[in-house]
Amino acid sequence: MKYSILRTDKAEDQLREIIFYIADESNDVESALRYLDKLETAINRLEYFPESGSIPRYSILKKQGYRVLIVERHLVFYKIDEKNHVVIIYAIVDGRREYRNLI
């Protein structure tokens, strides 16, 4: 069963910020686009493997039903809507930061 992927506006904004940041820091738009492609590929894989992300270590996130997909140094937080076969991406954050409050 194929799931559809839905991203919140917040996740879209975070993704855009990540790519702009990488482009600015590296002065290399190509490497930023390659990283975007890596993130998109990992997220799109959830269409067929929605449970491939792990359960977050923070119990509050676990209780709320979040799963986390790790893509290099970024964490993609999402929930699975089994009834409607939708994976909802809520946040894409840098795993080196304290992320509990970012979701």
N, C-alpha and C. Protein backbone atom coordinates (compact mmCIF):
# COMPACT_ATOMS: atom_id res chain seq x y z
N MET A 1 0.85 -1.19 0.00
CA MET A 1 0.00 0.00 0.00
C MET A 1 0.88 1.24 0.00
N LYS A 2 0.66 2.13 -0.94
CA LYS A 2 1.43 3.37 -1.03
C LYS A 2 0.76 4.46 -0.20
N TYR A 3 1.56 5.15 0.59
CA TYR A 3 1.07 6.27 1.40
C TYR A 3 1.36 7.57 0.65
N SER A 4 0.55 8.59 0.90
CA SER A 4 0.91 9.89 0.35
C SER A 4 1.68 10.66 1.42
N ILE A 5 2.50 11.58 0.96
CA ILE A 5 3.33 12.39 1.84
C ILE A 5 2.74 13.79 1.89
N LEU A 6 2.54 14.28 3.09
CA LEU A 6 2.01 15.63 3.28
C LEU A 6 3.00 16.37 4.18
N ARG A 7 3.40 17.57 3.77
CA ARG A 7 4.31 18.36 4.61
C ARG A 7 3.59 19.57 5.15
N THR A 8 3.79 19.84 6.42
CA THR A 8 3.22 21.05 7.00
C THR A 8 3.99 22.25 6.45
N ASP A 9 3.39 23.42 6.57
CA ASP A 9 4.08 24.65 6.15
C ASP A 9 5.37 24.82 6.93
N LYS A 10 5.33 24.46 8.20
CA LYS A 10 6.52 24.58 9.04
C LYS A 10 7.65 23.71 8.50
N ALA A 11 7.34 22.48 8.14
CA ALA A 11 8.36 21.58 7.60
C ALA A 11 8.90 22.12 6.28
N GLU A 12 8.03 22.66 5.44
CA GLU A 12 8.45 23.26 4.17
C GLU A 12 9.42 24.41 4.43
N ASP A 13 9.08 25.27 5.39
CA ASP A 13 9.93 26.42 5.72
C ASP A 13 11.29 25.95 6.25
N GLN A 14 11.26 24.94 7.11
CA GLN A 14 12.50 24.43 7.69
C GLN A 14 13.40 23.83 6.60
N LEU A 15 12.79 23.11 5.67
CA LEU A 15 13.55 22.51 4.58
C LEU A 15 14.21 23.60 3.74
N ARG A 16 13.44 24.63 3.43
CA ARG A 16 13.97 25.76 2.65
C ARG A 16 15.14 26.42 3.39
N GLU A 17 14.98 26.64 4.69
CA GLU A 17 16.04 27.26 5.50
C GLU A 17 17.32 26.41 5.49
N ILE A 18 17.16 25.11 5.61
CA ILE A 18 18.31 24.20 5.62
C ILE A 18 19.09 24.33 4.31
N ILE A 19 18.37 24.31 3.19
CA ILE A 19 19.02 24.35 1.88
C ILE A 19 19.70 25.71 1.66
N PHE A 20 19.01 26.80 2.02
CA PHE A 20 19.62 28.13 1.90
C PHE A 20 20.88 28.23 2.77
N TYR A 21 20.78 27.68 3.98
CA TYR A 21 21.92 27.73 4.90
C TYR A 21 23.13 26.99 4.30
N ILE A 22 22.88 25.80 3.78
CA ILE A 22 23.98 25.01 3.19
C ILE A 22 24.57 25.76 1.99
N ALA A 23 23.73 26.33 1.16
CA ALA A 23 24.20 27.08 -0.01
C ALA A 23 25.04 28.28 0.42
N ASP A 24 24.57 28.99 1.46
CA ASP A 24 25.31 30.16 1.96
C ASP A 24 26.65 29.77 2.57
N GLU A 25 26.61 28.76 3.45
CA GLU A 25 27.82 28.35 4.16
C GLU A 25 28.89 27.77 3.24
N SER A 26 28.44 27.01 2.24
CA SER A 26 29.41 26.33 1.38
C SER A 26 29.73 27.13 0.12
N ASN A 27 28.96 28.19 -0.13
CA ASN A 27 29.08 28.93 -1.40
C ASN A 27 28.97 27.99 -2.59
N ASP A 28 28.16 26.95 -2.41
CA ASP A 28 28.03 25.94 -3.46
C ASP A 28 26.57 25.50 -3.55
N VAL A 29 25.87 26.08 -4.51
CA VAL A 29 24.45 25.77 -4.68
C VAL A 29 24.27 24.29 -5.05
N GLU A 30 25.21 23.75 -5.82
CA GLU A 30 25.11 22.34 -6.24
C GLU A 30 25.11 21.40 -5.05
N SER A 31 25.98 21.64 -4.07
CA SER A 31 26.01 20.74 -2.91
C SER A 31 24.73 20.88 -2.09
N ALA A 32 24.18 22.10 -2.03
CA ALA A 32 22.90 22.30 -1.32
C ALA A 32 21.79 21.53 -2.03
N LEU A 33 21.79 21.56 -3.35
CA LEU A 33 20.76 20.84 -4.12
C LEU A 33 20.93 19.33 -4.00
N ARG A 34 22.17 18.87 -3.92
CA ARG A 34 22.41 17.42 -3.72
C ARG A 34 21.88 16.99 -2.36
N TYR A 35 22.08 17.84 -1.34
CA TYR A 35 21.57 17.51 0.00
C TYR A 35 20.04 17.54 0.01
N LEU A 36 19.46 18.50 -0.70
CA LEU A 36 18.00 18.55 -0.82
C LEU A 36 17.49 17.25 -1.45
N ASP A 37 18.18 16.80 -2.48
CA ASP A 37 17.80 15.56 -3.15
C ASP A 37 17.88 14.37 -2.19
N LYS A 38 18.91 14.35 -1.36
CA LYS A 38 19.08 13.28 -0.37
C LYS A 38 17.92 13.28 0.64
N LEU A 39 17.56 14.48 1.12
CA LEU A 39 16.44 14.60 2.06
C LEU A 39 15.13 14.18 1.39
N GLU A 40 14.91 14.67 0.17
CA GLU A 40 13.67 14.34 -0.55
C GLU A 40 13.56 12.83 -0.80
N THR A 41 14.66 12.22 -1.17
CA THR A 41 14.67 10.77 -1.44
C THR A 41 14.30 10.00 -0.17
N ALA A 42 14.89 10.39 0.95
CA ALA A 42 14.61 9.71 2.22
C ALA A 42 13.15 9.89 2.61
N ILE A 43 12.63 11.10 2.45
CA ILE A 43 11.23 11.37 2.79
C ILE A 43 10.30 10.60 1.86
N ASN A 44 10.60 10.59 0.57
CA ASN A 44 9.73 9.89 -0.39
C ASN A 44 9.72 8.39 -0.17
N ARG A 45 10.77 7.86 0.42
CA ARG A 45 10.82 6.42 0.72
C ARG A 45 9.72 6.04 1.73
N LEU A 46 9.28 7.02 2.51
CA LEU A 46 8.22 6.77 3.48
C LEU A 46 6.89 6.41 2.81
N GLU A 47 6.76 6.73 1.53
CA GLU A 47 5.53 6.35 0.79
C GLU A 47 5.32 4.84 0.86
N TYR A 48 6.41 4.10 0.79
CA TYR A 48 6.32 2.64 0.79
C TYR A 48 6.73 2.02 2.12
N PHE A 49 7.52 2.74 2.90
CA PHE A 49 8.00 2.22 4.19
C PHE A 49 7.76 3.25 5.29
N PRO A 50 6.49 3.52 5.60
CA PRO A 50 6.19 4.58 6.57
C PRO A 50 6.72 4.32 7.97
N GLU A 51 6.97 3.07 8.31
CA GLU A 51 7.44 2.77 9.66
C GLU A 51 8.96 2.64 9.73
N SER A 52 9.65 3.07 8.67
CA SER A 52 11.11 2.92 8.66
C SER A 52 11.80 3.90 9.61
N GLY A 53 11.13 4.97 9.98
CA GLY A 53 11.71 5.89 10.96
C GLY A 53 11.64 5.26 12.34
N SER A 54 12.51 5.72 13.23
CA SER A 54 12.52 5.14 14.57
C SER A 54 11.62 5.93 15.52
N ILE A 55 11.40 5.34 16.68
CA ILE A 55 10.61 5.99 17.73
C ILE A 55 11.54 6.99 18.42
N PRO A 56 11.10 8.25 18.60
CA PRO A 56 11.98 9.24 19.25
C PRO A 56 12.31 8.87 20.69
N ARG A 57 13.44 9.33 21.16
CA ARG A 57 13.85 8.97 22.53
C ARG A 57 13.10 9.77 23.59
N TYR A 58 12.60 10.96 23.25
CA TYR A 58 11.85 11.73 24.23
C TYR A 58 10.45 11.16 24.37
N SER A 59 10.05 10.86 25.60
CA SER A 59 8.76 10.20 25.81
C SER A 59 7.58 11.06 25.38
N ILE A 60 7.71 12.38 25.49
CA ILE A 60 6.59 13.25 25.08
C ILE A 60 6.33 13.09 23.58
N LEU A 61 7.40 13.01 22.79
CA LEU A 61 7.24 12.84 21.34
C LEU A 61 6.73 11.44 21.02
N LYS A 62 7.21 10.47 21.79
CA LYS A 62 6.77 9.09 21.61
C LYS A 62 5.27 8.98 21.88
N LYS A 63 4.82 9.58 22.99
CA LYS A 63 3.40 9.52 23.36
C LYS A 63 2.52 10.19 22.33
N GLN A 64 3.04 11.23 21.67
CA GLN A 64 2.25 11.94 20.67
C GLN A 64 2.25 11.23 19.31
N GLY A 65 2.97 10.12 19.23
CA GLY A 65 2.93 9.31 18.01
C GLY A 65 3.91 9.69 16.93
N TYR A 66 4.90 10.51 17.29
CA TYR A 66 5.90 10.89 16.29
C TYR A 66 6.85 9.74 16.00
N ARG A 67 7.37 9.75 14.80
CA ARG A 67 8.48 8.89 14.41
C ARG A 67 9.56 9.83 13.89
N VAL A 68 10.79 9.37 13.85
CA VAL A 68 11.88 10.22 13.37
C VAL A 68 12.73 9.48 12.34
N LEU A 69 12.99 10.18 11.27
CA LEU A 69 13.83 9.67 10.19
C LEU A 69 15.13 10.45 10.25
N ILE A 70 16.26 9.76 10.29
CA ILE A 70 17.55 10.44 10.38
C ILE A 70 18.18 10.49 8.99
N VAL A 71 18.48 11.71 8.56
CA VAL A 71 19.14 11.90 7.27
C VAL A 71 20.39 12.73 7.56
N GLU A 72 21.53 12.05 7.58
CA GLU A 72 22.80 12.67 7.98
C GLU A 72 22.60 13.39 9.31
N ARG A 73 22.75 14.72 9.33
CA ARG A 73 22.64 15.40 10.64
C ARG A 73 21.26 15.99 10.88
N HIS A 74 20.31 15.70 10.00
CA HIS A 74 18.96 16.24 10.18
C HIS A 74 17.97 15.16 10.59
N LEU A 75 16.98 15.60 11.36
CA LEU A 75 15.93 14.70 11.84
C LEU A 75 14.61 15.15 11.23
N VAL A 76 13.90 14.19 10.65
CA VAL A 76 12.60 14.45 10.05
C VAL A 76 11.56 13.83 10.96
N PHE A 77 10.72 14.68 11.57
CA PHE A 77 9.69 14.20 12.48
C PHE A 77 8.38 14.08 11.73
N TYR A 78 7.73 12.93 11.88
CA TYR A 78 6.48 12.70 11.15
C TYR A 78 5.56 11.79 11.94
N LYS A 79 4.31 11.77 11.50
CA LYS A 79 3.31 10.85 12.06
C LYS A 79 2.68 10.09 10.90
N ILE A 80 2.17 8.93 11.21
CA ILE A 80 1.51 8.10 10.20
C ILE A 80 0.01 8.11 10.47
N ASP A 81 -0.75 8.49 9.47
CA ASP A 81 -2.21 8.42 9.53
C ASP A 81 -2.60 7.13 8.80
N GLU A 82 -2.76 6.05 9.58
CA GLU A 82 -3.03 4.73 9.02
C GLU A 82 -4.36 4.70 8.26
N LYS A 83 -5.35 5.36 8.84
CA LYS A 83 -6.69 5.32 8.27
C LYS A 83 -6.73 5.88 6.85
N ASN A 84 -6.04 7.00 6.64
CA ASN A 84 -6.05 7.66 5.33
C ASN A 84 -4.80 7.40 4.50
N HIS A 85 -3.91 6.54 5.02
CA HIS A 85 -2.65 6.21 4.34
C HIS A 85 -1.86 7.45 3.96
N VAL A 86 -1.60 8.28 4.99
CA VAL A 86 -0.86 9.53 4.79
C VAL A 86 0.28 9.58 5.81
N VAL A 87 1.44 10.01 5.34
CA VAL A 87 2.57 10.31 6.23
C VAL A 87 2.65 11.83 6.29
N ILE A 88 2.56 12.39 7.50
CA ILE A 88 2.58 13.84 7.67
C ILE A 88 3.92 14.25 8.26
N ILE A 89 4.65 15.06 7.48
CA ILE A 89 5.96 15.56 7.93
C ILE A 89 5.70 16.84 8.72
N TYR A 90 6.10 16.83 9.99
CA TYR A 90 5.86 17.98 10.86
C TYR A 90 7.06 18.90 11.00
N ALA A 91 8.26 18.33 11.00
CA ALA A 91 9.45 19.16 11.23
C ALA A 91 10.69 18.49 10.64
N ILE A 92 11.61 19.34 10.19
CA ILE A 92 12.91 18.88 9.71
C ILE A 92 13.93 19.76 10.43
N VAL A 93 14.66 19.17 11.37
CA VAL A 93 15.54 19.97 12.23
C VAL A 93 16.95 19.39 12.27
N ASP A 94 17.88 20.24 12.66
CA ASP A 94 19.26 19.83 12.83
C ASP A 94 19.36 19.00 14.11
N GLY A 95 19.81 17.79 14.01
CA GLY A 95 19.87 16.87 15.15
C GLY A 95 20.87 17.28 16.21
N ARG A 96 21.75 18.25 15.89
CA ARG A 96 22.73 18.69 16.87
C ARG A 96 22.14 19.72 17.82
N ARG A 97 20.94 20.21 17.50
CA ARG A 97 20.29 21.20 18.35
C ARG A 97 19.27 20.53 19.27
N GLU A 98 18.89 21.24 20.29
CA GLU A 98 17.84 20.75 21.20
C GLU A 98 16.52 20.91 20.44
N TYR A 99 15.91 19.82 20.08
CA TYR A 99 14.79 19.90 19.14
C TYR A 99 13.41 19.72 19.75
N ARG A 100 13.33 19.39 21.01
CA ARG A 100 12.00 19.16 21.60
C ARG A 100 11.05 20.34 21.40
N ASN A 101 11.59 21.54 21.48
CA ASN A 101 10.74 22.73 21.39
C ASN A 101 10.54 23.21 19.96
N LEU A 102 11.18 22.58 19.01
CA LEU A 102 11.10 23.04 17.62
C LEU A 102 9.93 22.43 16.87
N ILE A 103 9.30 21.43 17.45
CA ILE A 103 8.25 20.72 16.71
C ILE A 103 6.91 21.35 16.97
